[in-house]
Amino acid sequence: MDKKQKIILFLIFIILLIGFIFFMIYRPDIAEEKTSGKIYHSFHYNNISDFFTEQKADQIVEYININIAYNEEHEQALWVCYLLTKEHLNNPVCKRKNYFKTDLNINSKSATSNDYYKSGYDRGHLAPAADMLWSEDAMLESFYMSNISPQKPGFNRGVWKKLEGRTRKLALSEDSIIIITGPIFHNPMGSIGENKVTIPAYYYKILVDISAPNLGAVAFVIPNRNTKLSLDKFAISIDSLERISGLNFMEALPDDLEKQLESICDERLLNTIIQ
């Protein structure tokens, strides 16, 4: 091999080496992992439906980020369920729309915004709009009336808003939170509007931390009225909530995991929320 051939081979080697280094630095899968805010779950679950229940629901509608179990008798959701992540919260792409609209995907027709007109009750979100800033479509869907429930202004703008904000704080701290929220219809406070939308006396929120390496859950049951009590006064286990609500959550999960999540009110999560 003469000197010219050696130089050519050396140049080819240098070009291949530079190409390999460039590929390793900028290859798509690594770049995606660096920028996507990858979600690390502490256990595998098949679908978000593993966490909710189909009990007493006349219809379950799956939207981009929210699953809604609608109840025709009460003209509102029994529960809404969705995943909230740090990635969602750190990547806002839209602003609150305030465009309340009838949910045409409800077979029996949902309540309307007119049902709330001059009722003295807020059109209270179950899945809050502030959790949906990561998607224009998710934001619009959060204003479907199937995601709305009659809430006292002092409740909606006070303790409930505070809990929603602390839930986002928890997602930013941990990474991935499954949220289930709904009304409790025992001893309702009457109804409003032409569609006779039931006024719940209480609301609940379940927070399940599925972020690795942590795993835990906490639930809250709060009366539909203005209160100055701190959030920890309303914290209970999911087992206790099930006895109050008559609903059985997470029945699709393995029994030992369901028991682990439902039997105690996780103090680590509660402390993160109330601090």
C-alpha atoms as a PDB file:
ATOM      1  CA  MET A   1       0.000   0.000   0.000  1.00  0.00           C
ATOM      2  CA  ASP A   2       1.525   3.276  -1.104  1.00  0.00           C
ATOM      3  CA  LYS A   3       1.533   6.541   0.796  1.00  0.00           C
ATOM      4  CA  LYS A   4      -1.447   7.977  -1.146  1.00  0.00           C
ATOM      5  CA  GLN A   5      -3.656   4.998  -0.308  1.00  0.00           C
ATOM      6  CA  LYS A   6      -2.722   5.235   3.368  1.00  0.00           C
ATOM      7  CA  ILE A   7      -3.721   8.889   3.438  1.00  0.00           C
ATOM      8  CA  ILE A   8      -7.072   8.089   1.783  1.00  0.00           C
ATOM      9  CA  LEU A   9      -7.801   5.304   4.276  1.00  0.00           C
ATOM     10  CA  PHE A  10      -6.838   7.568   7.165  1.00  0.00           C
ATOM     11  CA  LEU A  11      -9.177  10.310   5.910  1.00  0.00           C
ATOM     12  CA  ILE A  12     -12.010   7.771   5.521  1.00  0.00           C
ATOM     13  CA  PHE A  13     -11.398   6.585   9.082  1.00  0.00           C
ATOM     14  CA  ILE A  14     -11.486  10.165  10.394  1.00  0.00           C
ATOM     15  CA  ILE A  15     -14.739  10.881   8.514  1.00  0.00           C
ATOM     16  CA  LEU A  16     -16.373   7.710   9.880  1.00  0.00           C
ATOM     17  CA  LEU A  17     -15.200   8.510  13.409  1.00  0.00           C
ATOM     18  CA  ILE A  18     -16.589  12.048  13.233  1.00  0.00           C
ATOM     19  CA  GLY A  19     -19.871  10.693  11.871  1.00  0.00           C
ATOM     20  CA  PHE A  20     -20.117   8.153  14.684  1.00  0.00           C
ATOM     21  CA  ILE A  21     -19.430  10.801  17.350  1.00  0.00           C
ATOM     22  CA  PHE A  22     -21.999  13.132  15.784  1.00  0.00           C
ATOM     23  CA  PHE A  23     -24.586  10.329  15.696  1.00  0.00           C
ATOM     24  CA  MET A  24     -24.027   9.413  19.360  1.00  0.00           C
ATOM     25  CA  ILE A  25     -24.378  13.034  20.456  1.00  0.00           C
ATOM     26  CA  TYR A  26     -27.387  13.977  18.374  1.00  0.00           C
ATOM     27  CA  ARG A  27     -29.176  10.717  17.701  1.00  0.00           C
ATOM     28  CA  PRO A  28     -32.976  11.206  17.966  1.00  0.00           C
ATOM     29  CA  ASP A  29     -33.764   8.807  20.809  1.00  0.00           C
ATOM     30  CA  ILE A  30     -31.241  10.452  23.144  1.00  0.00           C
ATOM     31  CA  ALA A  31     -32.345  13.955  22.181  1.00  0.00           C
ATOM     32  CA  GLU A  32     -35.970  13.005  22.778  1.00  0.00           C
ATOM     33  CA  GLU A  33     -35.194  11.585  26.200  1.00  0.00           C
ATOM     34  CA  LYS A  34     -33.348  14.776  27.184  1.00  0.00           C
ATOM     35  CA  THR A  35     -36.155  17.120  26.102  1.00  0.00           C
ATOM     36  CA  SER A  36     -39.344  15.176  26.691  1.00  0.00           C
ATOM     37  CA  GLY A  37     -39.288  15.207  30.486  1.00  0.00           C
ATOM     38  CA  LYS A  38     -39.597  11.435  30.558  1.00  0.00           C
ATOM     39  CA  ILE A  39     -42.106  10.083  33.062  1.00  0.00           C
ATOM     40  CA  TYR A  40     -40.727   7.442  35.392  1.00  0.00           C
ATOM     41  CA  HIS A  41     -43.485   5.254  36.820  1.00  0.00           C
ATOM     42  CA  SER A  42     -42.929   3.124  39.886  1.00  0.00           C
ATOM     43  CA  PHE A  43     -45.076   0.279  38.548  1.00  0.00           C
ATOM     44  CA  HIS A  44     -46.746  -0.855  35.347  1.00  0.00           C
ATOM     45  CA  TYR A  45     -50.445  -0.345  34.801  1.00  0.00           C
ATOM     46  CA  ASN A  46     -52.421  -1.256  31.697  1.00  0.00           C
ATOM     47  CA  ASN A  47     -54.575   1.839  31.407  1.00  0.00           C
ATOM     48  CA  ILE A  48     -55.795   4.736  33.499  1.00  0.00           C
ATOM     49  CA  SER A  49     -59.061   2.785  33.743  1.00  0.00           C
ATOM     50  CA  ASP A  50     -57.260   0.520  36.242  1.00  0.00           C
ATOM     51  CA  PHE A  51     -57.780   3.299  38.783  1.00  0.00           C
ATOM     52  CA  PHE A  52     -61.429   4.233  38.365  1.00  0.00           C
ATOM     53  CA  THR A  53     -64.707   2.369  38.721  1.00  0.00           C
ATOM     54  CA  GLU A  54     -67.612   1.890  36.324  1.00  0.00           C
ATOM     55  CA  GLN A  55     -70.127   1.630  39.165  1.00  0.00           C
ATOM     56  CA  LYS A  56     -73.304   3.704  38.786  1.00  0.00           C
ATOM     57  CA  ALA A  57     -72.050   5.429  35.632  1.00  0.00           C
ATOM     58  CA  ASP A  58     -74.573   5.778  32.813  1.00  0.00           C
ATOM     59  CA  GLN A  59     -71.779   6.562  30.354  1.00  0.00           C
ATOM     60  CA  ILE A  60     -67.995   6.812  30.416  1.00  0.00           C
ATOM     61  CA  VAL A  61     -66.447   9.221  27.915  1.00  0.00           C
ATOM     62  CA  GLU A  62     -62.715   9.222  27.192  1.00  0.00           C
ATOM     63  CA  TYR A  63     -61.256  12.542  26.124  1.00  0.00           C
ATOM     64  CA  ILE A  64     -57.673  13.551  25.348  1.00  0.00           C
ATOM     65  CA  ASN A  65     -56.716  13.757  29.020  1.00  0.00           C
ATOM     66  CA  ILE A  66     -59.914  13.296  31.017  1.00  0.00           C
ATOM     67  CA  ASN A  67     -62.094  10.239  31.537  1.00  0.00           C
ATOM     68  CA  ILE A  68     -65.606  11.240  32.638  1.00  0.00           C
ATOM     69  CA  ALA A  69     -68.237   8.983  34.209  1.00  0.00           C
ATOM     70  CA  TYR A  70     -71.566  10.738  33.647  1.00  0.00           C
ATOM     71  CA  ASN A  71     -74.656  10.180  35.760  1.00  0.00           C
ATOM     72  CA  GLU A  72     -77.962  11.233  34.207  1.00  0.00           C
ATOM     73  CA  GLU A  73     -79.895  11.328  37.494  1.00  0.00           C
ATOM     74  CA  HIS A  74     -77.618  14.014  38.901  1.00  0.00           C
ATOM     75  CA  GLU A  75     -76.723  15.656  35.533  1.00  0.00           C
ATOM     76  CA  GLN A  76     -73.006  15.666  36.243  1.00  0.00           C
ATOM     77  CA  ALA A  77     -70.032  13.357  36.557  1.00  0.00           C
ATOM     78  CA  LEU A  78     -69.730  10.738  39.286  1.00  0.00           C
ATOM     79  CA  TRP A  79     -66.011  11.160  38.851  1.00  0.00           C
ATOM     80  CA  VAL A  80     -63.367  12.409  36.440  1.00  0.00           C
ATOM     81  CA  CYS A  81     -59.973  10.705  36.188  1.00  0.00           C
ATOM     82  CA  TYR A  82     -56.765  11.857  34.530  1.00  0.00           C
ATOM     83  CA  LEU A  83     -52.969  11.823  34.696  1.00  0.00           C
ATOM     84  CA  LEU A  84     -51.137  15.027  35.651  1.00  0.00           C
ATOM     85  CA  THR A  85     -47.384  15.165  35.104  1.00  0.00           C
ATOM     86  CA  LYS A  86     -44.472  17.509  35.593  1.00  0.00           C
ATOM     87  CA  GLU A  87     -44.051  17.509  31.813  1.00  0.00           C
ATOM     88  CA  HIS A  88     -47.629  18.777  31.371  1.00  0.00           C
ATOM     89  CA  LEU A  89     -47.140  21.600  33.850  1.00  0.00           C
ATOM     90  CA  ASN A  90     -43.740  22.652  32.523  1.00  0.00           C
ATOM     91  CA  ASN A  91     -44.927  22.922  28.912  1.00  0.00           C
ATOM     92  CA  PRO A  92     -47.944  25.257  28.738  1.00  0.00           C
ATOM     93  CA  VAL A  93     -49.156  26.057  25.220  1.00  0.00           C
ATOM     94  CA  CYS A  94     -52.477  27.836  25.834  1.00  0.00           C
ATOM     95  CA  LYS A  95     -54.447  29.994  28.231  1.00  0.00           C
ATOM     96  CA  ARG A  96     -57.746  29.480  30.042  1.00  0.00           C
ATOM     97  CA  LYS A  97     -60.665  29.807  27.598  1.00  0.00           C
ATOM     98  CA  ASN A  98     -63.771  30.212  29.828  1.00  0.00           C
ATOM     99  CA  TYR A  99     -65.880  28.658  27.081  1.00  0.00           C
ATOM    100  CA  PHE A 100     -68.437  26.545  28.925  1.00  0.00           C
ATOM    101  CA  LYS A 101     -70.423  24.356  26.553  1.00  0.00           C
ATOM    102  CA  THR A 102     -72.885  21.484  26.594  1.00  0.00           C
ATOM    103  CA  ASP A 103     -71.218  18.092  26.146  1.00  0.00           C
ATOM    104  CA  LEU A 104     -72.757  16.688  22.959  1.00  0.00           C
ATOM    105  CA  ASN A 105     -70.983  13.366  23.515  1.00  0.00           C
ATOM    106  CA  ILE A 106     -73.273  12.569  26.447  1.00  0.00           C
ATOM    107  CA  ASN A 107     -76.021  10.362  25.023  1.00  0.00           C
ATOM    108  CA  SER A 108     -78.703  11.678  27.367  1.00  0.00           C
ATOM    109  CA  LYS A 109     -77.481  15.298  26.931  1.00  0.00           C
ATOM    110  CA  SER A 110     -75.486  16.981  29.657  1.00  0.00           C
ATOM    111  CA  ALA A 111     -76.533  19.881  31.843  1.00  0.00           C
ATOM    112  CA  THR A 112     -76.228  23.316  30.256  1.00  0.00           C
ATOM    113  CA  SER A 113     -74.649  26.574  31.347  1.00  0.00           C
ATOM    114  CA  ASN A 114     -78.172  28.024  31.627  1.00  0.00           C
ATOM    115  CA  ASP A 115     -78.875  25.630  34.512  1.00  0.00           C
ATOM    116  CA  TYR A 116     -76.403  27.659  36.582  1.00  0.00           C
ATOM    117  CA  TYR A 117     -77.646  31.103  35.571  1.00  0.00           C
ATOM    118  CA  LYS A 118     -78.557  33.187  38.649  1.00  0.00           C
ATOM    119  CA  SER A 119     -78.452  30.021  40.782  1.00  0.00           C
ATOM    120  CA  GLY A 120     -75.950  31.372  43.294  1.00  0.00           C
ATOM    121  CA  TYR A 121     -73.571  28.517  42.447  1.00  0.00           C
ATOM    122  CA  ASP A 122     -70.323  28.549  40.479  1.00  0.00           C
ATOM    123  CA  ARG A 123     -69.776  26.335  37.464  1.00  0.00           C
ATOM    124  CA  GLY A 124     -67.113  24.440  39.373  1.00  0.00           C
ATOM    125  CA  HIS A 125     -64.564  22.326  37.518  1.00  0.00           C
ATOM    126  CA  LEU A 126     -63.911  18.763  38.646  1.00  0.00           C
ATOM    127  CA  ALA A 127     -60.771  18.530  36.487  1.00  0.00           C
ATOM    128  CA  PRO A 128     -59.458  22.120  36.695  1.00  0.00           C
ATOM    129  CA  ALA A 129     -58.640  24.132  33.607  1.00  0.00           C
ATOM    130  CA  ALA A 130     -55.249  25.044  35.087  1.00  0.00           C
ATOM    131  CA  ASP A 131     -54.220  21.380  34.765  1.00  0.00           C
ATOM    132  CA  MET A 132     -54.863  21.484  30.993  1.00  0.00           C
ATOM    133  CA  LEU A 133     -52.584  24.309  29.846  1.00  0.00           C
ATOM    134  CA  TRP A 134     -50.421  21.794  27.977  1.00  0.00           C
ATOM    135  CA  SER A 135     -53.066  21.168  25.268  1.00  0.00           C
ATOM    136  CA  GLU A 136     -55.596  23.396  23.470  1.00  0.00           C
ATOM    137  CA  ASP A 137     -57.982  20.451  23.044  1.00  0.00           C
ATOM    138  CA  ALA A 138     -57.658  19.322  26.662  1.00  0.00           C
ATOM    139  CA  MET A 139     -58.349  22.903  27.765  1.00  0.00           C
ATOM    140  CA  LEU A 140     -61.537  23.104  25.683  1.00  0.00           C
ATOM    141  CA  GLU A 141     -62.702  19.693  26.915  1.00  0.00           C
ATOM    142  CA  SER A 142     -62.298  20.772  30.534  1.00  0.00           C
ATOM    143  CA  PHE A 143     -65.093  23.302  29.914  1.00  0.00           C
ATOM    144  CA  TYR A 144     -67.628  20.681  28.841  1.00  0.00           C
ATOM    145  CA  MET A 145     -70.553  20.826  31.247  1.00  0.00           C
ATOM    146  CA  SER A 146     -69.996  17.126  31.995  1.00  0.00           C
ATOM    147  CA  ASN A 147     -66.891  18.267  33.916  1.00  0.00           C
ATOM    148  CA  ILE A 148     -68.816  20.935  35.841  1.00  0.00           C
ATOM    149  CA  SER A 149     -70.657  20.729  39.171  1.00  0.00           C
ATOM    150  CA  PRO A 150     -72.573  23.303  41.295  1.00  0.00           C
ATOM    151  CA  GLN A 151     -70.148  24.675  43.865  1.00  0.00           C
ATOM    152  CA  LYS A 152     -70.602  27.378  46.457  1.00  0.00           C
ATOM    153  CA  PRO A 153     -68.467  30.395  45.450  1.00  0.00           C
ATOM    154  CA  GLY A 154     -66.626  30.361  48.780  1.00  0.00           C
ATOM    155  CA  PHE A 155     -65.776  26.694  48.283  1.00  0.00           C
ATOM    156  CA  ASN A 156     -64.832  26.875  44.602  1.00  0.00           C
ATOM    157  CA  ARG A 157     -62.673  29.968  44.978  1.00  0.00           C
ATOM    158  CA  GLY A 158     -61.331  29.019  48.391  1.00  0.00           C
ATOM    159  CA  VAL A 159     -60.418  25.604  49.748  1.00  0.00           C
ATOM    160  CA  TRP A 160     -61.115  23.765  46.455  1.00  0.00           C
ATOM    161  CA  LYS A 161     -58.891  26.128  44.469  1.00  0.00           C
ATOM    162  CA  LYS A 162     -56.219  25.756  47.142  1.00  0.00           C
ATOM    163  CA  LEU A 163     -56.317  21.950  46.883  1.00  0.00           C
ATOM    164  CA  GLU A 164     -56.076  22.145  43.085  1.00  0.00           C
ATOM    165  CA  GLY A 165     -53.015  24.363  43.359  1.00  0.00           C
ATOM    166  CA  ARG A 166     -51.375  22.070  45.907  1.00  0.00           C
ATOM    167  CA  THR A 167     -52.081  19.113  43.618  1.00  0.00           C
ATOM    168  CA  ARG A 168     -50.096  20.797  40.856  1.00  0.00           C
ATOM    169  CA  LYS A 169     -47.338  21.459  43.371  1.00  0.00           C
ATOM    170  CA  LEU A 170     -47.309  17.738  44.167  1.00  0.00           C
ATOM    171  CA  ALA A 171     -47.049  16.790  40.484  1.00  0.00           C
ATOM    172  CA  LEU A 172     -44.118  19.167  40.025  1.00  0.00           C
ATOM    173  CA  SER A 173     -42.430  17.693  43.087  1.00  0.00           C
ATOM    174  CA  GLU A 174     -43.033  14.019  42.348  1.00  0.00           C
ATOM    175  CA  ASP A 175     -43.549  13.747  38.537  1.00  0.00           C
ATOM    176  CA  SER A 176     -46.741  11.752  37.843  1.00  0.00           C
ATOM    177  CA  ILE A 177     -50.052  11.857  39.725  1.00  0.00           C
ATOM    178  CA  ILE A 178     -53.286  10.010  38.941  1.00  0.00           C
ATOM    179  CA  ILE A 179     -56.213  12.233  39.988  1.00  0.00           C
ATOM    180  CA  ILE A 180     -59.808  11.132  40.569  1.00  0.00           C
ATOM    181  CA  THR A 181     -62.316  13.807  41.549  1.00  0.00           C
ATOM    182  CA  GLY A 182     -66.060  13.842  42.031  1.00  0.00           C
ATOM    183  CA  PRO A 183     -69.098  14.846  44.062  1.00  0.00           C
ATOM    184  CA  ILE A 184     -70.709  12.946  46.924  1.00  0.00           C
ATOM    185  CA  PHE A 185     -74.485  12.855  46.611  1.00  0.00           C
ATOM    186  CA  HIS A 186     -75.483  11.781  50.131  1.00  0.00           C
ATOM    187  CA  ASN A 187     -77.810  14.398  51.623  1.00  0.00           C
ATOM    188  CA  PRO A 188     -77.669  16.761  48.610  1.00  0.00           C
ATOM    189  CA  MET A 189     -78.480  20.439  48.997  1.00  0.00           C
ATOM    190  CA  GLY A 190     -81.256  20.521  46.389  1.00  0.00           C
ATOM    191  CA  SER A 191     -80.908  21.103  42.653  1.00  0.00           C
ATOM    192  CA  ILE A 192     -80.603  23.952  40.148  1.00  0.00           C
ATOM    193  CA  GLY A 193     -81.864  24.725  36.664  1.00  0.00           C
ATOM    194  CA  GLU A 194     -84.282  23.220  34.213  1.00  0.00           C
ATOM    195  CA  ASN A 195     -82.275  19.987  34.162  1.00  0.00           C
ATOM    196  CA  LYS A 196     -82.367  19.742  37.973  1.00  0.00           C
ATOM    197  CA  VAL A 197     -78.627  19.476  38.483  1.00  0.00           C
ATOM    198  CA  THR A 198     -77.987  18.022  41.934  1.00  0.00           C
ATOM    199  CA  ILE A 199     -76.086  20.236  44.394  1.00  0.00           C
ATOM    200  CA  PRO A 200     -73.600  17.952  46.177  1.00  0.00           C
ATOM    201  CA  ALA A 201     -72.952  18.463  49.880  1.00  0.00           C
ATOM    202  CA  TYR A 202     -69.357  17.228  49.560  1.00  0.00           C
ATOM    203  CA  TYR A 203     -66.600  16.722  46.999  1.00  0.00           C
ATOM    204  CA  TYR A 204     -63.691  14.305  47.005  1.00  0.00           C
ATOM    205  CA  LYS A 205     -60.284  14.168  45.381  1.00  0.00           C
ATOM    206  CA  ILE A 206     -57.983  11.136  45.205  1.00  0.00           C
ATOM    207  CA  LEU A 207     -54.280  11.634  44.490  1.00  0.00           C
ATOM    208  CA  VAL A 208     -52.167   8.601  43.595  1.00  0.00           C
ATOM    209  CA  ASP A 209     -48.426   9.166  43.266  1.00  0.00           C
ATOM    210  CA  ILE A 210     -47.107   6.677  40.699  1.00  0.00           C
ATOM    211  CA  SER A 211     -43.674   8.293  40.352  1.00  0.00           C
ATOM    212  CA  ALA A 212     -40.628   6.095  40.828  1.00  0.00           C
ATOM    213  CA  PRO A 213     -39.397   5.221  43.383  1.00  0.00           C
ATOM    214  CA  ASN A 214     -42.390   6.403  45.416  1.00  0.00           C
ATOM    215  CA  LEU A 215     -45.861   4.956  45.552  1.00  0.00           C
ATOM    216  CA  GLY A 216     -48.669   6.237  47.737  1.00  0.00           C
ATOM    217  CA  ALA A 217     -52.107   7.818  47.845  1.00  0.00           C
ATOM    218  CA  VAL A 218     -54.161  10.319  49.779  1.00  0.00           C
ATOM    219  CA  ALA A 219     -57.829  11.325  49.542  1.00  0.00           C
ATOM    220  CA  PHE A 220     -59.760  14.402  50.605  1.00  0.00           C
ATOM    221  CA  VAL A 221     -63.453  14.888  51.372  1.00  0.00           C
ATOM    222  CA  ILE A 222     -64.464  18.542  51.707  1.00  0.00           C
ATOM    223  CA  PRO A 223     -67.916  20.071  52.356  1.00  0.00           C
ATOM    224  CA  ASN A 224     -69.365  22.301  49.641  1.00  0.00           C
ATOM    225  CA  ARG A 225     -69.068  25.528  51.608  1.00  0.00           C
ATOM    226  CA  ASN A 226     -66.548  28.157  52.567  1.00  0.00           C
ATOM    227  CA  THR A 227     -64.116  26.937  55.217  1.00  0.00           C
ATOM    228  CA  LYS A 228     -60.952  28.227  56.834  1.00  0.00           C
ATOM    229  CA  LEU A 229     -59.817  24.802  58.024  1.00  0.00           C
ATOM    230  CA  SER A 230     -56.481  23.538  56.711  1.00  0.00           C
ATOM    231  CA  LEU A 231     -56.405  20.798  54.080  1.00  0.00           C
ATOM    232  CA  ASP A 232     -55.033  18.170  56.446  1.00  0.00           C
ATOM    233  CA  LYS A 233     -58.348  18.292  58.351  1.00  0.00           C
ATOM    234  CA  PHE A 234     -60.056  16.771  55.300  1.00  0.00           C
ATOM    235  CA  ALA A 235     -57.467  14.087  54.452  1.00  0.00           C
ATOM    236  CA  ILE A 236     -58.521  10.431  54.693  1.00  0.00           C
ATOM    237  CA  SER A 237     -57.621   7.052  53.213  1.00  0.00           C
ATOM    238  CA  ILE A 238     -59.215   5.815  49.988  1.00  0.00           C
ATOM    239  CA  ASP A 239     -60.801   2.960  51.964  1.00  0.00           C
ATOM    240  CA  SER A 240     -62.579   5.554  54.101  1.00  0.00           C
ATOM    241  CA  LEU A 241     -63.677   7.475  51.013  1.00  0.00           C
ATOM    242  CA  GLU A 242     -65.097   4.300  49.487  1.00  0.00           C
ATOM    243  CA  ARG A 243     -67.235   3.729  52.565  1.00  0.00           C
ATOM    244  CA  ILE A 244     -68.533   7.304  52.347  1.00  0.00           C
ATOM    245  CA  SER A 245     -69.127   7.389  48.589  1.00  0.00           C
ATOM    246  CA  GLY A 246     -70.228   3.805  47.989  1.00  0.00           C
ATOM    247  CA  LEU A 247     -67.742   3.539  45.100  1.00  0.00           C
ATOM    248  CA  ASN A 248     -64.967   0.979  44.726  1.00  0.00           C
ATOM    249  CA  PHE A 249     -61.860   2.428  43.093  1.00  0.00           C
ATOM    250  CA  MET A 250     -58.788   0.641  41.659  1.00  0.00           C
ATOM    251  CA  GLU A 251     -60.456  -2.764  41.556  1.00  0.00           C
ATOM    252  CA  ALA A 252     -58.538  -3.624  38.361  1.00  0.00           C
ATOM    253  CA  LEU A 253     -55.188  -3.341  40.151  1.00  0.00           C
ATOM    254  CA  PRO A 254     -53.592  -6.399  41.823  1.00  0.00           C
ATOM    255  CA  ASP A 255     -55.128  -6.932  45.265  1.00  0.00           C
ATOM    256  CA  ASP A 256     -51.916  -6.303  47.200  1.00  0.00           C
ATOM    257  CA  LEU A 257     -51.260  -3.062  45.339  1.00  0.00           C
ATOM    258  CA  GLU A 258     -54.856  -1.924  45.769  1.00  0.00           C
ATOM    259  CA  LYS A 259     -54.617  -2.598  49.505  1.00  0.00           C
ATOM    260  CA  GLN A 260     -51.307  -0.742  49.758  1.00  0.00           C
ATOM    261  CA  LEU A 261     -52.737   2.359  48.074  1.00  0.00           C
ATOM    262  CA  GLU A 262     -56.151   2.392  49.720  1.00  0.00           C
ATOM    263  CA  SER A 263     -55.519   1.377  53.317  1.00  0.00           C
ATOM    264  CA  ILE A 264     -53.563   4.412  54.544  1.00  0.00           C
ATOM    265  CA  CYS A 265     -53.433   8.156  54.032  1.00  0.00           C
ATOM    266  CA  ASP A 266     -49.842   8.672  52.891  1.00  0.00           C
ATOM    267  CA  GLU A 267     -48.262  11.180  55.269  1.00  0.00           C
ATOM    268  CA  ARG A 268     -45.356  11.929  52.917  1.00  0.00           C
ATOM    269  CA  LEU A 269     -47.758  13.098  50.212  1.00  0.00           C
ATOM    270  CA  LEU A 270     -49.953  14.945  52.680  1.00  0.00           C
ATOM    271  CA  ASN A 271     -46.974  16.826  54.107  1.00  0.00           C
ATOM    272  CA  THR A 272     -45.880  17.855  50.598  1.00  0.00           C
ATOM    273  CA  ILE A 273     -49.392  19.148  49.899  1.00  0.00           C
ATOM    274  CA  ILE A 274     -49.932  21.143  53.087  1.00  0.00           C
ATOM    275  CA  GLN A 275     -46.457  22.670  53.436  1.00  0.00           C
END
